[in-house]
Structure formats: structure tokens, C-alpha cells
Amino acid sequence: MAWIYVAIIVISTVASDLLQSWEMKRQGEVTEFGIGGIGRLLRLLLTKAPLIGSMVFLAISFYAFLALLAVADLSFAVPATALSLVAETVLARLLLKENVTPARWGGTVLVATGVALLAL
């Protein structure tokens, strides 16, 4: 049952992060932090479907993590859910066309190896 929760966490975390990154790249950098700028930012957050979807997926991930902690130790849960980093790196390269340096690929391989060791 623990690995099912891990899968839910990984899928929902990756979906949340990809939607958030995609929309924020479309929107651009936030440069105004005054009262008016914060108001515009809040309106943006509440009117952009990808950002709303990102928040929904993040909530799913959070509740799945709580459920995982009910059936597994923290020493398993945190490293196992790091698999989302592997999926995010691959999908950032493929879907978002981001440049992933060799050092980041190396880190991704190390994380994947660690998760594989947990599965043993």
C-alpha cells in the first residue's frame, strides 16, 4: 500500500510543479511587491487554470503524504517520494525544453539509485 501512496505523491507533485512552472514562464517574473502588485498577483493566482490545477495537485500530494506516513516510517516516506525529482528533471527537459546540466543529470541518477535501493 505504501508504494501506491508514493505513486500518487509523485504523480501529483510532478503535475503541480510542471503546471506551476509552465504558467509562471508564460506570465513572467513578478517584479512589483507593493500592495497593488500583491493584489494583481493574487488575482493572477485565482484566475489562471494551470495555477489552480497546480494547487489542487499539491493538495492531493499533501494528503497522500499524510496517508503514507500512517502506513510507513518517515525514513522510508521522504526518500521514496524523492522519485518526483527524477520525474520532474526528465519532464522539464522533454516538456518544458529546459536545459539540464550534466551535474543535474548526475544528481538525478543518484536520487534514482537511492530510491531503487529503498525498493529492495
PDB file of N, CA and C in Angstrom:
ATOM      1  N   MET A   1       0.818  -1.202   0.000  1.00  0.00           N
ATOM      2  CA  MET A   1       0.000   0.000   0.000  1.00  0.00           C
ATOM      3  C   MET A   1       0.860   1.265   0.000  1.00  0.00           C
ATOM      4  N   ALA A   2       2.033   1.186   0.648  1.00  0.00           N
ATOM      5  CA  ALA A   2       2.897   2.357   0.730  1.00  0.00           C
ATOM      6  C   ALA A   2       3.331   2.833  -0.655  1.00  0.00           C
ATOM      7  N   TRP A   3       3.662   1.891  -1.547  1.00  0.00           N
ATOM      8  CA  TRP A   3       4.122   2.288  -2.882  1.00  0.00           C
ATOM      9  C   TRP A   3       3.001   2.922  -3.706  1.00  0.00           C
ATOM     10  N   ILE A   4       1.749   2.580  -3.419  1.00  0.00           N
ATOM     11  CA  ILE A   4       0.623   3.234  -4.108  1.00  0.00           C
ATOM     12  C   ILE A   4       0.566   4.703  -3.694  1.00  0.00           C
ATOM     13  N   TYR A   5       0.719   4.949  -2.389  1.00  0.00           N
ATOM     14  CA  TYR A   5       0.756   6.338  -1.929  1.00  0.00           C
ATOM     15  C   TYR A   5       1.951   7.087  -2.519  1.00  0.00           C
ATOM     16  N   VAL A   6       3.087   6.430  -2.600  1.00  0.00           N
ATOM     17  CA  VAL A   6       4.260   7.064  -3.209  1.00  0.00           C
ATOM     18  C   VAL A   6       3.957   7.448  -4.659  1.00  0.00           C
ATOM     19  N   ALA A   7       3.312   6.550  -5.396  1.00  0.00           N
ATOM     20  CA  ALA A   7       2.964   6.848  -6.796  1.00  0.00           C
ATOM     21  C   ALA A   7       2.024   8.045  -6.891  1.00  0.00           C
ATOM     22  N   ILE A   8       1.032   8.100  -6.007  1.00  0.00           N
ATOM     23  CA  ILE A   8       0.096   9.230  -6.008  1.00  0.00           C
ATOM     24  C   ILE A   8       0.839  10.523  -5.702  1.00  0.00           C
ATOM     25  N   ILE A   9       1.729  10.472  -4.722  1.00  0.00           N
ATOM     26  CA  ILE A   9       2.505  11.666  -4.355  1.00  0.00           C
ATOM     27  C   ILE A   9       3.381  12.121  -5.515  1.00  0.00           C
ATOM     28  N   VAL A  10       4.081  11.189  -6.124  1.00  0.00           N
ATOM     29  CA  VAL A  10       4.989  11.543  -7.211  1.00  0.00           C
ATOM     30  C   VAL A  10       4.212  12.133  -8.388  1.00  0.00           C
ATOM     31  N   ILE A  11       3.153  11.478  -8.805  1.00  0.00           N
ATOM     32  CA  ILE A  11       2.375  11.961  -9.956  1.00  0.00           C
ATOM     33  C   ILE A  11       1.775  13.334  -9.678  1.00  0.00           C
ATOM     34  N   SER A  12       1.185  13.511  -8.502  1.00  0.00           N
ATOM     35  CA  SER A  12       0.541  14.792  -8.217  1.00  0.00           C
ATOM     36  C   SER A  12       1.566  15.909  -7.989  1.00  0.00           C
ATOM     37  N   THR A  13       2.697  15.599  -7.380  1.00  0.00           N
ATOM     38  CA  THR A  13       3.735  16.614  -7.191  1.00  0.00           C
ATOM     39  C   THR A  13       4.312  17.053  -8.529  1.00  0.00           C
ATOM     40  N   VAL A  14       4.593  16.095  -9.392  1.00  0.00           N
ATOM     41  CA  VAL A  14       5.137  16.418 -10.710  1.00  0.00           C
ATOM     42  C   VAL A  14       4.135  17.242 -11.509  1.00  0.00           C
ATOM     43  N   ALA A  15       2.876  16.849 -11.496  1.00  0.00           N
ATOM     44  CA  ALA A  15       1.852  17.609 -12.218  1.00  0.00           C
ATOM     45  C   ALA A  15       1.761  19.030 -11.680  1.00  0.00           C
ATOM     46  N   SER A  16       1.776  19.174 -10.362  1.00  0.00           N
ATOM     47  CA  SER A  16       1.709  20.504  -9.751  1.00  0.00           C
ATOM     48  C   SER A  16       2.888  21.375 -10.169  1.00  0.00           C
ATOM     49  N   ASP A  17       4.085  20.835 -10.048  1.00  0.00           N
ATOM     50  CA  ASP A  17       5.272  21.622 -10.372  1.00  0.00           C
ATOM     51  C   ASP A  17       5.362  21.979 -11.850  1.00  0.00           C
ATOM     52  N   LEU A  18       4.984  21.047 -12.725  1.00  0.00           N
ATOM     53  CA  LEU A  18       5.019  21.340 -14.159  1.00  0.00           C
ATOM     54  C   LEU A  18       3.999  22.409 -14.538  1.00  0.00           C
ATOM     55  N   LEU A  19       2.782  22.312 -14.008  1.00  0.00           N
ATOM     56  CA  LEU A  19       1.768  23.326 -14.297  1.00  0.00           C
ATOM     57  C   LEU A  19       2.190  24.695 -13.788  1.00  0.00           C
ATOM     58  N   GLN A  20       2.729  24.722 -12.579  1.00  0.00           N
ATOM     59  CA  GLN A  20       3.166  25.987 -11.999  1.00  0.00           C
ATOM     60  C   GLN A  20       4.298  26.603 -12.817  1.00  0.00           C
ATOM     61  N   SER A  21       5.282  25.813 -13.167  1.00  0.00           N
ATOM     62  CA  SER A  21       6.410  26.324 -13.942  1.00  0.00           C
ATOM     63  C   SER A  21       5.967  26.812 -15.314  1.00  0.00           C
ATOM     64  N   TRP A  22       5.122  26.025 -15.969  1.00  0.00           N
ATOM     65  CA  TRP A  22       4.652  26.394 -17.304  1.00  0.00           C
ATOM     66  C   TRP A  22       3.909  27.733 -17.273  1.00  0.00           C
ATOM     67  N   GLU A  23       2.994  27.884 -16.327  1.00  0.00           N
ATOM     68  CA  GLU A  23       2.211  29.120 -16.278  1.00  0.00           C
ATOM     69  C   GLU A  23       3.066  30.316 -15.864  1.00  0.00           C
ATOM     70  N   MET A  24       3.969  30.123 -14.932  1.00  0.00           N
ATOM     71  CA  MET A  24       4.783  31.250 -14.495  1.00  0.00           C
ATOM     72  C   MET A  24       5.763  31.678 -15.584  1.00  0.00           C
ATOM     73  N   LYS A  25       6.207  30.757 -16.422  1.00  0.00           N
ATOM     74  CA  LYS A  25       7.050  31.133 -17.558  1.00  0.00           C
ATOM     75  C   LYS A  25       6.238  31.923 -18.579  1.00  0.00           C
ATOM     76  N   ARG A  26       4.980  31.548 -18.745  1.00  0.00           N
ATOM     77  CA  ARG A  26       4.098  32.300 -19.651  1.00  0.00           C
ATOM     78  C   ARG A  26       3.824  33.694 -19.104  1.00  0.00           C
ATOM     79  N   GLN A  27       3.635  33.786 -17.793  1.00  0.00           N
ATOM     80  CA  GLN A  27       3.267  35.043 -17.157  1.00  0.00           C
ATOM     81  C   GLN A  27       4.454  35.991 -17.024  1.00  0.00           C
ATOM     82  N   GLY A  28       5.604  35.452 -16.695  1.00  0.00           N
ATOM     83  CA  GLY A  28       6.781  36.287 -16.496  1.00  0.00           C
ATOM     84  C   GLY A  28       7.064  36.518 -15.021  1.00  0.00           C
ATOM     85  N   GLU A  29       8.180  37.147 -14.769  1.00  0.00           N
ATOM     86  CA  GLU A  29       8.651  37.367 -13.404  1.00  0.00           C
ATOM     87  C   GLU A  29       7.803  38.404 -12.681  1.00  0.00           C
ATOM     88  N   VAL A  30       7.571  38.177 -11.416  1.00  0.00           N
ATOM     89  CA  VAL A  30       6.881  39.146 -10.569  1.00  0.00           C
ATOM     90  C   VAL A  30       7.920  40.155 -10.113  1.00  0.00           C
ATOM     91  N   THR A  31       7.692  41.428 -10.429  1.00  0.00           N
ATOM     92  CA  THR A  31       8.683  42.458 -10.108  1.00  0.00           C
ATOM     93  C   THR A  31       8.145  43.512  -9.157  1.00  0.00           C
ATOM     94  N   GLU A  32       6.833  43.568  -8.973  1.00  0.00           N
ATOM     95  CA  GLU A  32       6.242  44.586  -8.111  1.00  0.00           C
ATOM     96  C   GLU A  32       5.711  43.924  -6.843  1.00  0.00           C
ATOM     97  N   PHE A  33       6.215  44.361  -5.698  1.00  0.00           N
ATOM     98  CA  PHE A  33       5.838  43.734  -4.438  1.00  0.00           C
ATOM     99  C   PHE A  33       5.095  44.684  -3.497  1.00  0.00           C
ATOM    100  N   GLY A  34       4.582  45.777  -4.038  1.00  0.00           N
ATOM    101  CA  GLY A  34       3.761  46.688  -3.239  1.00  0.00           C
ATOM    102  C   GLY A  34       2.354  46.124  -3.086  1.00  0.00           C
ATOM    103  N   ILE A  35       1.475  46.881  -2.440  1.00  0.00           N
ATOM    104  CA  ILE A  35       0.101  46.434  -2.216  1.00  0.00           C
ATOM    105  C   ILE A  35      -0.597  46.156  -3.545  1.00  0.00           C
ATOM    106  N   GLY A  36      -0.442  47.030  -4.512  1.00  0.00           N
ATOM    107  CA  GLY A  36      -1.068  46.824  -5.823  1.00  0.00           C
ATOM    108  C   GLY A  36      -0.515  45.603  -6.527  1.00  0.00           C
ATOM    109  N   GLY A  37       0.794  45.410  -6.445  1.00  0.00           N
ATOM    110  CA  GLY A  37       1.426  44.259  -7.085  1.00  0.00           C
ATOM    111  C   GLY A  37       0.987  42.942  -6.472  1.00  0.00           C
ATOM    112  N   ILE A  38       0.854  42.923  -5.151  1.00  0.00           N
ATOM    113  CA  ILE A  38       0.396  41.710  -4.467  1.00  0.00           C
ATOM    114  C   ILE A  38      -1.054  41.416  -4.858  1.00  0.00           C
ATOM    115  N   GLY A  39      -1.868  42.458  -4.962  1.00  0.00           N
ATOM    116  CA  GLY A  39      -3.262  42.271  -5.385  1.00  0.00           C
ATOM    117  C   GLY A  39      -3.348  41.691  -6.782  1.00  0.00           C
ATOM    118  N   ARG A  40      -2.535  42.224  -7.705  1.00  0.00           N
ATOM    119  CA  ARG A  40      -2.520  41.682  -9.072  1.00  0.00           C
ATOM    120  C   ARG A  40      -2.039  40.235  -9.080  1.00  0.00           C
ATOM    121  N   LEU A  41      -1.058  39.933  -8.239  1.00  0.00           N
ATOM    122  CA  LEU A  41      -0.552  38.559  -8.145  1.00  0.00           C
ATOM    123  C   LEU A  41      -1.641  37.608  -7.631  1.00  0.00           C
ATOM    124  N   LEU A  42      -2.381  38.023  -6.628  1.00  0.00           N
ATOM    125  CA  LEU A  42      -3.467  37.181  -6.098  1.00  0.00           C
ATOM    126  C   LEU A  42      -4.555  36.964  -7.147  1.00  0.00           C
ATOM    127  N   ARG A  43      -4.904  38.027  -7.900  1.00  0.00           N
ATOM    128  CA  ARG A  43      -5.884  37.872  -8.984  1.00  0.00           C
ATOM    129  C   ARG A  43      -5.375  36.890 -10.031  1.00  0.00           C
ATOM    130  N   LEU A  44      -4.086  36.979 -10.336  1.00  0.00           N
ATOM    131  CA  LEU A  44      -3.467  36.060 -11.289  1.00  0.00           C
ATOM    132  C   LEU A  44      -3.591  34.619 -10.791  1.00  0.00           C
ATOM    133  N   LEU A  45      -3.269  34.421  -9.520  1.00  0.00           N
ATOM    134  CA  LEU A  45      -3.330  33.070  -8.954  1.00  0.00           C
ATOM    135  C   LEU A  45      -4.736  32.491  -8.993  1.00  0.00           C
ATOM    136  N   LEU A  46      -5.731  33.336  -8.838  1.00  0.00           N
ATOM    137  CA  LEU A  46      -7.107  32.851  -8.763  1.00  0.00           C
ATOM    138  C   LEU A  46      -7.814  32.791 -10.111  1.00  0.00           C
ATOM    139  N   THR A  47      -7.161  33.267 -11.183  1.00  0.00           N
ATOM    140  CA  THR A  47      -7.829  33.274 -12.483  1.00  0.00           C
ATOM    141  C   THR A  47      -7.158  32.397 -13.525  1.00  0.00           C
ATOM    142  N   LYS A  48      -5.984  31.903 -13.258  1.00  0.00           N
ATOM    143  CA  LYS A  48      -5.264  31.074 -14.226  1.00  0.00           C
ATOM    144  C   LYS A  48      -5.500  29.601 -13.910  1.00  0.00           C
ATOM    145  N   ALA A  49      -6.145  28.903 -14.833  1.00  0.00           N
ATOM    146  CA  ALA A  49      -6.483  27.492 -14.621  1.00  0.00           C
ATOM    147  C   ALA A  49      -5.259  26.619 -14.308  1.00  0.00           C
ATOM    148  N   PRO A  50      -4.122  26.801 -14.991  1.00  0.00           N
ATOM    149  CA  PRO A  50      -2.969  25.964 -14.638  1.00  0.00           C
ATOM    150  C   PRO A  50      -2.501  26.149 -13.195  1.00  0.00           C
ATOM    151  N   LEU A  51      -2.590  27.378 -12.688  1.00  0.00           N
ATOM    152  CA  LEU A  51      -2.174  27.608 -11.308  1.00  0.00           C
ATOM    153  C   LEU A  51      -3.171  27.017 -10.319  1.00  0.00           C
ATOM    154  N   ILE A  52      -4.436  27.098 -10.647  1.00  0.00           N
ATOM    155  CA  ILE A  52      -5.454  26.471  -9.791  1.00  0.00           C
ATOM    156  C   ILE A  52      -5.263  24.955  -9.809  1.00  0.00           C
ATOM    157  N   GLY A  53      -5.021  24.403 -10.989  1.00  0.00           N
ATOM    158  CA  GLY A  53      -4.750  22.968 -11.091  1.00  0.00           C
ATOM    159  C   GLY A  53      -3.517  22.579 -10.305  1.00  0.00           C
ATOM    160  N   SER A  54      -2.503  23.426 -10.339  1.00  0.00           N
ATOM    161  CA  SER A  54      -1.284  23.176  -9.586  1.00  0.00           C
ATOM    162  C   SER A  54      -1.579  23.083  -8.092  1.00  0.00           C
ATOM    163  N   MET A  55      -2.409  23.980  -7.594  1.00  0.00           N
ATOM    164  CA  MET A  55      -2.768  23.957  -6.172  1.00  0.00           C
ATOM    165  C   MET A  55      -3.568  22.708  -5.814  1.00  0.00           C
ATOM    166  N   VAL A  56      -4.454  22.281  -6.706  1.00  0.00           N
ATOM    167  CA  VAL A  56      -5.238  21.068  -6.464  1.00  0.00           C
ATOM    168  C   VAL A  56      -4.315  19.852  -6.390  1.00  0.00           C
ATOM    169  N   PHE A  57      -3.406  19.737  -7.346  1.00  0.00           N
ATOM    170  CA  PHE A  57      -2.463  18.616  -7.327  1.00  0.00           C
ATOM    171  C   PHE A  57      -1.572  18.648  -6.092  1.00  0.00           C
ATOM    172  N   LEU A  58      -1.185  19.845  -5.655  1.00  0.00           N
ATOM    173  CA  LEU A  58      -0.359  19.959  -4.462  1.00  0.00           C
ATOM    174  C   LEU A  58      -1.123  19.503  -3.220  1.00  0.00           C
ATOM    175  N   ALA A  59      -2.398  19.825  -3.156  1.00  0.00           N
ATOM    176  CA  ALA A  59      -3.234  19.361  -2.033  1.00  0.00           C
ATOM    177  C   ALA A  59      -3.351  17.839  -2.044  1.00  0.00           C
ATOM    178  N   ILE A  60      -3.524  17.256  -3.216  1.00  0.00           N
ATOM    179  CA  ILE A  60      -3.594  15.794  -3.330  1.00  0.00           C
ATOM    180  C   ILE A  60      -2.289  15.178  -2.830  1.00  0.00           C
ATOM    181  N   SER A  61      -1.180  15.761  -3.232  1.00  0.00           N
ATOM    182  CA  SER A  61       0.123  15.267  -2.811  1.00  0.00           C
ATOM    183  C   SER A  61       0.272  15.340  -1.291  1.00  0.00           C
ATOM    184  N   PHE A  62      -0.152  16.433  -0.706  1.00  0.00           N
ATOM    185  CA  PHE A  62      -0.047  16.613   0.742  1.00  0.00           C
ATOM    186  C   PHE A  62      -0.852  15.559   1.495  1.00  0.00           C
ATOM    187  N   TYR A  63      -2.101  15.351   1.086  1.00  0.00           N
ATOM    188  CA  TYR A  63      -2.944  14.380   1.788  1.00  0.00           C
ATOM    189  C   TYR A  63      -2.470  12.945   1.552  1.00  0.00           C
ATOM    190  N   ALA A  64      -1.936  12.682   0.381  1.00  0.00           N
ATOM    191  CA  ALA A  64      -1.364  11.352   0.133  1.00  0.00           C
ATOM    192  C   ALA A  64      -0.126  11.139   0.996  1.00  0.00           C
ATOM    193  N   PHE A  65       0.652  12.205   1.226  1.00  0.00           N
ATOM    194  CA  PHE A  65       1.828  12.085   2.094  1.00  0.00           C
ATOM    195  C   PHE A  65       1.404  11.789   3.529  1.00  0.00           C
ATOM    196  N   LEU A  66       0.339  12.450   3.987  1.00  0.00           N
ATOM    197  CA  LEU A  66      -0.176  12.147   5.329  1.00  0.00           C
ATOM    198  C   LEU A  66      -0.622  10.693   5.420  1.00  0.00           C
ATOM    199  N   ALA A  67      -1.291  10.199   4.390  1.00  0.00           N
ATOM    200  CA  ALA A  67      -1.724   8.801   4.372  1.00  0.00           C
ATOM    201  C   ALA A  67      -0.518   7.865   4.350  1.00  0.00           C
ATOM    202  N   LEU A  68       0.516   8.232   3.601  1.00  0.00           N
ATOM    203  CA  LEU A  68       1.730   7.420   3.561  1.00  0.00           C
ATOM    204  C   LEU A  68       2.374   7.336   4.937  1.00  0.00           C
ATOM    205  N   LEU A  69       2.405   8.454   5.648  1.00  0.00           N
ATOM    206  CA  LEU A  69       3.002   8.450   6.985  1.00  0.00           C
ATOM    207  C   LEU A  69       2.214   7.585   7.962  1.00  0.00           C
ATOM    208  N   ALA A  70       0.943   7.354   7.669  1.00  0.00           N
ATOM    209  CA  ALA A  70       0.137   6.494   8.537  1.00  0.00           C
ATOM    210  C   ALA A  70       0.494   5.016   8.359  1.00  0.00           C
ATOM    211  N   VAL A  71       1.089   4.666   7.211  1.00  0.00           N
ATOM    212  CA  VAL A  71       1.389   3.247   6.954  1.00  0.00           C
ATOM    213  C   VAL A  71       2.874   2.962   6.807  1.00  0.00           C
ATOM    214  N   ALA A  72       3.710   4.005   6.791  1.00  0.00           N
ATOM    215  CA  ALA A  72       5.148   3.793   6.593  1.00  0.00           C
ATOM    216  C   ALA A  72       5.939   4.757   7.469  1.00  0.00           C
ATOM    217  N   ASP A  73       7.171   4.393   7.739  1.00  0.00           N
ATOM    218  CA  ASP A  73       8.059   5.244   8.525  1.00  0.00           C
ATOM    219  C   ASP A  73       8.511   6.452   7.710  1.00  0.00           C
ATOM    220  N   LEU A  74       8.828   7.518   8.420  1.00  0.00           N
ATOM    221  CA  LEU A  74       9.330   8.724   7.773  1.00  0.00           C
ATOM    222  C   LEU A  74      10.638   8.440   7.037  1.00  0.00           C
ATOM    223  N   SER A  75      11.433   7.536   7.576  1.00  0.00           N
ATOM    224  CA  SER A  75      12.714   7.197   6.944  1.00  0.00           C
ATOM    225  C   SER A  75      12.532   6.499   5.598  1.00  0.00           C
ATOM    226  N   PHE A  76      11.342   5.992   5.323  1.00  0.00           N
ATOM    227  CA  PHE A  76      11.008   5.444   4.009  1.00  0.00           C
ATOM    228  C   PHE A  76      10.304   6.506   3.161  1.00  0.00           C
ATOM    229  N   ALA A  77       9.364   7.221   3.769  1.00  0.00           N
ATOM    230  CA  ALA A  77       8.479   8.116   3.022  1.00  0.00           C
ATOM    231  C   ALA A  77       9.234   9.240   2.314  1.00  0.00           C
ATOM    232  N   VAL A  78      10.110   9.908   3.017  1.00  0.00           N
ATOM    233  CA  VAL A  78      10.795  11.059   2.416  1.00  0.00           C
ATOM    234  C   VAL A  78      11.714  10.642   1.267  1.00  0.00           C
ATOM    235  N   PRO A  79      12.591   9.649   1.459  1.00  0.00           N
ATOM    236  CA  PRO A  79      13.430   9.257   0.322  1.00  0.00           C
ATOM    237  C   PRO A  79      12.634   8.685  -0.853  1.00  0.00           C
ATOM    238  N   ALA A  80      11.586   7.922  -0.577  1.00  0.00           N
ATOM    239  CA  ALA A  80      10.809   7.324  -1.677  1.00  0.00           C
ATOM    240  C   ALA A  80      10.119   8.389  -2.514  1.00  0.00           C
ATOM    241  N   THR A  81       9.615   9.425  -1.870  1.00  0.00           N
ATOM    242  CA  THR A  81       8.927  10.469  -2.627  1.00  0.00           C
ATOM    243  C   THR A  81       9.903  11.365  -3.392  1.00  0.00           C
ATOM    244  N   ALA A  82      11.199  11.212  -3.144  1.00  0.00           N
ATOM    245  CA  ALA A  82      12.200  11.948  -3.918  1.00  0.00           C
ATOM    246  C   ALA A  82      12.199  11.514  -5.379  1.00  0.00           C
ATOM    247  N   LEU A  83      11.505  10.436  -5.663  1.00  0.00           N
ATOM    248  CA  LEU A  83      11.361   9.993  -7.053  1.00  0.00           C
ATOM    249  C   LEU A  83      10.719  11.087  -7.909  1.00  0.00           C
ATOM    250  N   SER A  84       9.981  11.973  -7.276  1.00  0.00           N
ATOM    251  CA  SER A  84       9.388  13.086  -8.030  1.00  0.00           C
ATOM    252  C   SER A  84      10.474  13.971  -8.640  1.00  0.00           C
ATOM    253  N   LEU A  85      11.617  14.078  -7.979  1.00  0.00           N
ATOM    254  CA  LEU A  85      12.728  14.870  -8.534  1.00  0.00           C
ATOM    255  C   LEU A  85      13.235  14.274  -9.838  1.00  0.00           C
ATOM    256  N   VAL A  86      13.266  12.958  -9.896  1.00  0.00           N
ATOM    257  CA  VAL A  86      13.718  12.280 -11.113  1.00  0.00           C
ATOM    258  C   VAL A  86      12.728  12.556 -12.246  1.00  0.00           C
ATOM    259  N   ALA A  87      11.453  12.359 -11.970  1.00  0.00           N
ATOM    260  CA  ALA A  87      10.422  12.573 -12.990  1.00  0.00           C
ATOM    261  C   ALA A  87      10.387  14.036 -13.428  1.00  0.00           C
ATOM    262  N   GLU A  88      10.526  14.958 -12.486  1.00  0.00           N
ATOM    263  CA  GLU A  88      10.495  16.378 -12.832  1.00  0.00           C
ATOM    264  C   GLU A  88      11.674  16.782 -13.715  1.00  0.00           C
ATOM    265  N   THR A  89      12.831  16.230 -13.432  1.00  0.00           N
ATOM    266  CA  THR A  89      14.002  16.559 -14.249  1.00  0.00           C
ATOM    267  C   THR A  89      13.816  16.083 -15.686  1.00  0.00           C
ATOM    268  N   VAL A  90      13.356  14.859 -15.838  1.00  0.00           N
ATOM    269  CA  VAL A  90      13.140  14.305 -17.180  1.00  0.00           C
ATOM    270  C   VAL A  90      12.060  15.092 -17.912  1.00  0.00           C
ATOM    271  N   LEU A  91      10.946  15.361 -17.249  1.00  0.00           N
ATOM    272  CA  LEU A  91       9.845  16.067 -17.906  1.00  0.00           C
ATOM    273  C   LEU A  91      10.153  17.542 -18.140  1.00  0.00           C
ATOM    274  N   ALA A  92      10.946  18.150 -17.270  1.00  0.00           N
ATOM    275  CA  ALA A  92      11.355  19.538 -17.509  1.00  0.00           C
ATOM    276  C   ALA A  92      12.158  19.628 -18.803  1.00  0.00           C
ATOM    277  N   ARG A  93      12.985  18.637 -19.032  1.00  0.00           N
ATOM    278  CA  ARG A  93      13.778  18.597 -20.270  1.00  0.00           C
ATOM    279  C   ARG A  93      12.888  18.331 -21.488  1.00  0.00           C
ATOM    280  N   LEU A  94      11.988  17.342 -21.363  1.00  0.00           N
ATOM    281  CA  LEU A  94      11.180  16.939 -22.510  1.00  0.00           C
ATOM    282  C   LEU A  94      10.008  17.882 -22.801  1.00  0.00           C
ATOM    283  N   LEU A  95       9.277  18.284 -21.769  1.00  0.00           N
ATOM    284  CA  LEU A  95       8.073  19.084 -21.992  1.00  0.00           C
ATOM    285  C   LEU A  95       8.334  20.587 -21.959  1.00  0.00           C
ATOM    286  N   LEU A  96       9.147  21.023 -20.998  1.00  0.00           N
ATOM    287  CA  LEU A  96       9.390  22.454 -20.854  1.00  0.00           C
ATOM    288  C   LEU A  96      10.616  22.935 -21.615  1.00  0.00           C
ATOM    289  N   LYS A  97      11.345  21.990 -22.214  1.00  0.00           N
ATOM    290  CA  LYS A  97      12.534  22.294 -23.018  1.00  0.00           C
ATOM    291  C   LYS A  97      13.597  23.042 -22.207  1.00  0.00           C
ATOM    292  N   GLU A  98      13.705  22.710 -20.927  1.00  0.00           N
ATOM    293  CA  GLU A  98      14.723  23.331 -20.079  1.00  0.00           C
ATOM    294  C   GLU A  98      16.081  22.684 -20.319  1.00  0.00           C
ATOM    295  N   ASN A  99      17.124  23.458 -20.096  1.00  0.00           N
ATOM    296  CA  ASN A  99      18.478  22.941 -20.198  1.00  0.00           C
ATOM    297  C   ASN A  99      18.839  22.263 -18.872  1.00  0.00           C
ATOM    298  N   VAL A 100      19.188  21.001 -18.929  1.00  0.00           N
ATOM    299  CA  VAL A 100      19.582  20.259 -17.731  1.00  0.00           C
ATOM    300  C   VAL A 100      21.067  19.943 -17.862  1.00  0.00           C
ATOM    301  N   THR A 101      21.836  20.466 -16.932  1.00  0.00           N
ATOM    302  CA  THR A 101      23.290  20.308 -16.998  1.00  0.00           C
ATOM    303  C   THR A 101      23.702  18.878 -16.647  1.00  0.00           C
ATOM    304  N   PRO A 102      24.894  18.470 -17.050  1.00  0.00           N
ATOM    305  CA  PRO A 102      25.382  17.134 -16.682  1.00  0.00           C
ATOM    306  C   PRO A 102      25.415  16.905 -15.168  1.00  0.00           C
ATOM    307  N   ALA A 103      25.717  17.941 -14.401  1.00  0.00           N
ATOM    308  CA  ALA A 103      25.726  17.794 -12.934  1.00  0.00           C
ATOM    309  C   ALA A 103      24.331  17.477 -12.417  1.00  0.00           C
ATOM    310  N   ARG A 104      23.302  18.115 -12.983  1.00  0.00           N
ATOM    311  CA  ARG A 104      21.930  17.820 -12.562  1.00  0.00           C
ATOM    312  C   ARG A 104      21.511  16.426 -12.985  1.00  0.00           C
ATOM    313  N   TRP A 105      21.937  15.993 -14.168  1.00  0.00           N
ATOM    314  CA  TRP A 105      21.645  14.615 -14.578  1.00  0.00           C
ATOM    315  C   TRP A 105      22.318  13.631 -13.621  1.00  0.00           C
ATOM    316  N   GLY A 106      23.542  13.956 -13.214  1.00  0.00           N
ATOM    317  CA  GLY A 106      24.241  13.096 -12.265  1.00  0.00           C
ATOM    318  C   GLY A 106      23.501  13.004 -10.940  1.00  0.00           C
ATOM    319  N   GLY A 107      23.025  14.132 -10.453  1.00  0.00           N
ATOM    320  CA  GLY A 107      22.234  14.138  -9.223  1.00  0.00           C
ATOM    321  C   GLY A 107      20.949  13.349  -9.372  1.00  0.00           C
ATOM    322  N   THR A 108      20.327  13.461 -10.529  1.00  0.00           N
ATOM    323  CA  THR A 108      19.099  12.718 -10.803  1.00  0.00           C
ATOM    324  C   THR A 108      19.357  11.219 -10.771  1.00  0.00           C
ATOM    325  N   VAL A 109      20.472  10.799 -11.347  1.00  0.00           N
ATOM    326  CA  VAL A 109      20.830   9.369 -11.333  1.00  0.00           C
ATOM    327  C   VAL A 109      21.071   8.901  -9.899  1.00  0.00           C
ATOM    328  N   LEU A 110      21.722   9.727  -9.100  1.00  0.00           N
ATOM    329  CA  LEU A 110      21.961   9.357  -7.699  1.00  0.00           C
ATOM    330  C   LEU A 110      20.652   9.209  -6.920  1.00  0.00           C
ATOM    331  N   VAL A 111      19.714  10.125  -7.133  1.00  0.00           N
ATOM    332  CA  VAL A 111      18.425  10.032  -6.460  1.00  0.00           C
ATOM    333  C   VAL A 111      17.687   8.766  -6.900  1.00  0.00           C
ATOM    334  N   ALA A 112      17.687   8.504  -8.204  1.00  0.00           N
ATOM    335  CA  ALA A 112      17.020   7.297  -8.720  1.00  0.00           C
ATOM    336  C   ALA A 112      17.652   6.043  -8.129  1.00  0.00           C
ATOM    337  N   THR A 113      18.967   6.043  -7.989  1.00  0.00           N
ATOM    338  CA  THR A 113      19.655   4.887  -7.398  1.00  0.00           C
ATOM    339  C   THR A 113      19.245   4.711  -5.943  1.00  0.00           C
ATOM    340  N   GLY A 114      19.147   5.801  -5.210  1.00  0.00           N
ATOM    341  CA  GLY A 114      18.711   5.738  -3.817  1.00  0.00           C
ATOM    342  C   GLY A 114      17.308   5.183  -3.671  1.00  0.00           C
ATOM    343  N   VAL A 115      16.404   5.611  -4.534  1.00  0.00           N
ATOM    344  CA  VAL A 115      15.031   5.104  -4.482  1.00  0.00           C
ATOM    345  C   VAL A 115      15.004   3.613  -4.843  1.00  0.00           C
ATOM    346  N   ALA A 116      15.823   3.222  -5.818  1.00  0.00           N
ATOM    347  CA  ALA A 116      15.902   1.804  -6.186  1.00  0.00           C
ATOM    348  C   ALA A 116      16.393   0.966  -5.010  1.00  0.00           C
ATOM    349  N   LEU A 117      17.349   1.486  -4.236  1.00  0.00           N
ATOM    350  CA  LEU A 117      17.823   0.764  -3.059  1.00  0.00           C
ATOM    351  C   LEU A 117      16.727   0.639  -2.006  1.00  0.00           C
ATOM    352  N   LEU A 118      15.872   1.636  -1.893  1.00  0.00           N
ATOM    353  CA  LEU A 118      14.742   1.542  -0.962  1.00  0.00           C
ATOM    354  C   LEU A 118      13.776   0.425  -1.341  1.00  0.00           C
ATOM    355  N   ALA A 119      13.639   0.208  -2.629  1.00  0.00           N
ATOM    356  CA  ALA A 119      12.694  -0.798  -3.118  1.00  0.00           C
ATOM    357  C   ALA A 119      13.167  -2.236  -2.818  1.00  0.00           C
ATOM    358  N   LEU A 120      14.446  -2.400  -2.529  1.00  0.00           N
ATOM    359  CA  LEU A 120      14.958  -3.746  -2.269  1.00  0.00           C
ATOM    360  C   LEU A 120      14.509  -4.289  -0.930  1.00  0.00           C
TER     361      LEU A 120
END
